[in-house]
Amino acid sequence: MERRFDLEFIKKRREQLGLSQGSMAQQLGFINASVYCRYENGTYKFKADMLPALSQALQCDPRDFFCPVVC
């Protein structure tokens, strides 16, 4: 089964935890919230080596970032 990276999950999970984009930027080592926003909106792509820190910040399993592709 083909899977895609689920940016909607990332945004919803961040909001569920009450985390700001600035907080996420700091936890991931980005310069500011604007840079993190570009990742969350899909302008930039999250790299594989970012997923452990992202999953730690969002208190989830890295597998949660992927969902099935629906045709």
N, C-alpha and C. Protein backbone atom coordinates (compact mmCIF):
# COMPACT_ATOMS: atom_id res chain seq x y z
N MET A 1 0.85 -1.18 0.00
CA MET A 1 0.00 0.00 0.00
C MET A 1 0.89 1.24 0.00
N GLU A 2 0.60 2.14 -0.91
CA GLU A 2 1.35 3.39 -1.00
C GLU A 2 0.91 4.33 0.12
N ARG A 3 1.89 5.08 0.66
CA ARG A 3 1.59 6.00 1.77
C ARG A 3 2.15 7.38 1.44
N ARG A 4 1.54 8.38 2.03
CA ARG A 4 2.02 9.75 1.85
C ARG A 4 2.24 10.40 3.21
N PHE A 5 3.06 11.44 3.22
CA PHE A 5 3.32 12.19 4.44
C PHE A 5 2.10 13.05 4.75
N ASP A 6 1.60 12.96 5.97
CA ASP A 6 0.33 13.59 6.35
C ASP A 6 0.57 14.89 7.13
N LEU A 7 0.66 16.00 6.40
CA LEU A 7 0.87 17.30 7.04
C LEU A 7 -0.33 17.72 7.88
N GLU A 8 -1.51 17.30 7.49
CA GLU A 8 -2.71 17.63 8.25
C GLU A 8 -2.64 17.01 9.65
N PHE A 9 -2.14 15.78 9.74
CA PHE A 9 -1.98 15.14 11.05
C PHE A 9 -1.04 15.96 11.92
N ILE A 10 0.07 16.42 11.34
CA ILE A 10 1.06 17.18 12.11
C ILE A 10 0.45 18.45 12.68
N LYS A 11 -0.26 19.19 11.85
CA LYS A 11 -0.89 20.43 12.32
C LYS A 11 -1.93 20.14 13.40
N LYS A 12 -2.80 19.16 13.16
CA LYS A 12 -3.85 18.83 14.14
C LYS A 12 -3.25 18.37 15.46
N ARG A 13 -2.21 17.54 15.38
CA ARG A 13 -1.59 17.03 16.61
C ARG A 13 -0.94 18.16 17.38
N ARG A 14 -0.25 19.07 16.68
CA ARG A 14 0.37 20.23 17.35
C ARG A 14 -0.70 21.04 18.07
N GLU A 15 -1.82 21.28 17.39
CA GLU A 15 -2.91 22.05 17.99
C GLU A 15 -3.54 21.32 19.16
N GLN A 16 -3.69 19.99 19.07
CA GLN A 16 -4.24 19.20 20.18
C GLN A 16 -3.38 19.34 21.42
N LEU A 17 -2.07 19.41 21.22
CA LEU A 17 -1.15 19.52 22.35
C LEU A 17 -0.98 20.95 22.83
N GLY A 18 -1.59 21.90 22.13
CA GLY A 18 -1.49 23.30 22.52
C GLY A 18 -0.13 23.91 22.25
N LEU A 19 0.57 23.38 21.27
CA LEU A 19 1.91 23.88 20.94
C LEU A 19 1.83 24.95 19.85
N SER A 20 2.58 26.00 20.00
CA SER A 20 2.63 27.03 18.97
C SER A 20 3.65 26.65 17.91
N GLN A 21 3.58 27.32 16.78
CA GLN A 21 4.57 27.08 15.74
C GLN A 21 5.95 27.53 16.22
N GLY A 22 5.99 28.57 17.05
CA GLY A 22 7.26 29.02 17.63
C GLY A 22 7.88 27.97 18.52
N SER A 23 7.05 27.32 19.32
CA SER A 23 7.53 26.25 20.19
C SER A 23 8.08 25.09 19.37
N MET A 24 7.36 24.74 18.32
CA MET A 24 7.83 23.65 17.44
C MET A 24 9.15 24.03 16.78
N ALA A 25 9.25 25.27 16.32
CA ALA A 25 10.49 25.74 15.69
C ALA A 25 11.66 25.59 16.65
N GLN A 26 11.45 25.97 17.88
CA GLN A 26 12.51 25.89 18.89
C GLN A 26 12.90 24.43 19.14
N GLN A 27 11.93 23.55 19.28
CA GLN A 27 12.21 22.14 19.55
C GLN A 27 12.93 21.45 18.40
N LEU A 28 12.66 21.92 17.17
CA LEU A 28 13.28 21.31 15.99
C LEU A 28 14.56 22.02 15.56
N GLY A 29 14.91 23.11 16.26
CA GLY A 29 16.15 23.82 15.95
C GLY A 29 16.06 24.77 14.77
N PHE A 30 14.84 25.20 14.43
CA PHE A 30 14.66 26.16 13.34
C PHE A 30 14.90 27.57 13.86
N ILE A 31 15.16 28.48 12.96
CA ILE A 31 15.45 29.87 13.32
C ILE A 31 14.24 30.55 13.96
N ASN A 32 13.06 30.31 13.39
CA ASN A 32 11.86 30.96 13.92
C ASN A 32 10.60 30.20 13.46
N ALA A 33 9.45 30.69 13.91
CA ALA A 33 8.17 30.05 13.60
C ALA A 33 7.86 30.08 12.11
N SER A 34 8.33 31.11 11.42
CA SER A 34 8.08 31.23 9.98
C SER A 34 8.67 30.04 9.22
N VAL A 35 9.85 29.63 9.61
CA VAL A 35 10.50 28.48 8.96
C VAL A 35 9.69 27.21 9.25
N TYR A 36 9.32 27.02 10.51
CA TYR A 36 8.51 25.84 10.84
C TYR A 36 7.21 25.85 10.05
N CYS A 37 6.56 27.00 9.94
CA CYS A 37 5.29 27.12 9.21
C CYS A 37 5.45 26.63 7.77
N ARG A 38 6.57 26.92 7.16
CA ARG A 38 6.79 26.48 5.77
C ARG A 38 6.87 24.96 5.67
N TYR A 39 7.40 24.32 6.70
CA TYR A 39 7.42 22.85 6.71
C TYR A 39 6.00 22.33 6.92
N GLU A 40 5.30 22.87 7.89
CA GLU A 40 3.96 22.38 8.22
C GLU A 40 2.99 22.59 7.06
N ASN A 41 3.19 23.63 6.27
CA ASN A 41 2.31 23.91 5.14
C ASN A 41 2.75 23.22 3.86
N GLY A 42 3.89 22.55 3.88
CA GLY A 42 4.34 21.79 2.72
C GLY A 42 5.22 22.55 1.75
N THR A 43 5.55 23.80 2.05
CA THR A 43 6.47 24.55 1.19
C THR A 43 7.84 23.89 1.20
N TYR A 44 8.29 23.51 2.39
CA TYR A 44 9.52 22.73 2.57
C TYR A 44 9.10 21.32 2.96
N LYS A 45 9.95 20.36 2.68
CA LYS A 45 9.66 18.96 3.03
C LYS A 45 10.46 18.55 4.27
N PHE A 46 9.77 17.91 5.21
CA PHE A 46 10.46 17.35 6.37
C PHE A 46 11.40 16.26 5.87
N LYS A 47 12.62 16.27 6.36
CA LYS A 47 13.61 15.25 6.00
C LYS A 47 13.51 14.09 7.00
N ALA A 48 13.95 12.93 6.58
CA ALA A 48 13.87 11.73 7.42
C ALA A 48 14.57 11.94 8.77
N ASP A 49 15.69 12.66 8.78
CA ASP A 49 16.40 12.83 10.04
C ASP A 49 15.71 13.80 11.00
N MET A 50 14.66 14.47 10.54
CA MET A 50 13.87 15.35 11.41
C MET A 50 12.75 14.60 12.14
N LEU A 51 12.39 13.44 11.62
CA LEU A 51 11.22 12.73 12.15
C LEU A 51 11.33 12.32 13.62
N PRO A 52 12.49 11.87 14.10
CA PRO A 52 12.56 11.55 15.53
C PRO A 52 12.25 12.75 16.43
N ALA A 53 12.82 13.92 16.12
CA ALA A 53 12.55 15.11 16.93
C ALA A 53 11.10 15.56 16.78
N LEU A 54 10.56 15.45 15.57
CA LEU A 54 9.17 15.81 15.33
C LEU A 54 8.23 14.90 16.12
N SER A 55 8.51 13.61 16.10
CA SER A 55 7.65 12.66 16.84
C SER A 55 7.77 12.87 18.34
N GLN A 56 8.95 13.24 18.80
CA GLN A 56 9.12 13.51 20.24
C GLN A 56 8.32 14.77 20.62
N ALA A 57 8.42 15.81 19.82
CA ALA A 57 7.69 17.05 20.10
C ALA A 57 6.19 16.83 20.09
N LEU A 58 5.72 15.99 19.17
CA LEU A 58 4.29 15.74 19.02
C LEU A 58 3.80 14.52 19.80
N GLN A 59 4.71 13.91 20.55
CA GLN A 59 4.37 12.77 21.41
C GLN A 59 3.61 11.70 20.64
N CYS A 60 4.20 11.27 19.54
CA CYS A 60 3.57 10.24 18.72
C CYS A 60 4.65 9.38 18.08
N ASP A 61 4.23 8.34 17.41
CA ASP A 61 5.14 7.45 16.70
C ASP A 61 5.40 8.03 15.31
N PRO A 62 6.62 7.95 14.80
CA PRO A 62 6.88 8.47 13.45
C PRO A 62 5.97 7.86 12.37
N ARG A 63 5.50 6.65 12.59
CA ARG A 63 4.59 6.03 11.62
C ARG A 63 3.27 6.79 11.50
N ASP A 64 2.92 7.55 12.54
CA ASP A 64 1.69 8.33 12.50
C ASP A 64 1.73 9.45 11.46
N PHE A 65 2.92 9.79 10.97
CA PHE A 65 3.07 10.86 9.99
C PHE A 65 2.68 10.42 8.58
N PHE A 66 2.40 9.15 8.40
CA PHE A 66 2.10 8.63 7.08
C PHE A 66 0.69 8.06 7.03
N CYS A 67 0.00 8.32 5.93
CA CYS A 67 -1.35 7.79 5.75
C CYS A 67 -1.45 7.16 4.36
N PRO A 68 -2.39 6.26 4.18
CA PRO A 68 -2.55 5.62 2.86
C PRO A 68 -2.94 6.64 1.81
N VAL A 69 -2.44 6.43 0.61
CA VAL A 69 -2.84 7.25 -0.53
C VAL A 69 -4.18 6.72 -1.02
N VAL A 70 -5.16 7.61 -1.12
CA VAL A 70 -6.49 7.24 -1.57
C VAL A 70 -6.64 7.74 -3.00
N CYS A 71 -6.96 6.83 -3.91
CA CYS A 71 -7.10 7.20 -5.33
C CYS A 71 -8.50 7.70 -5.61
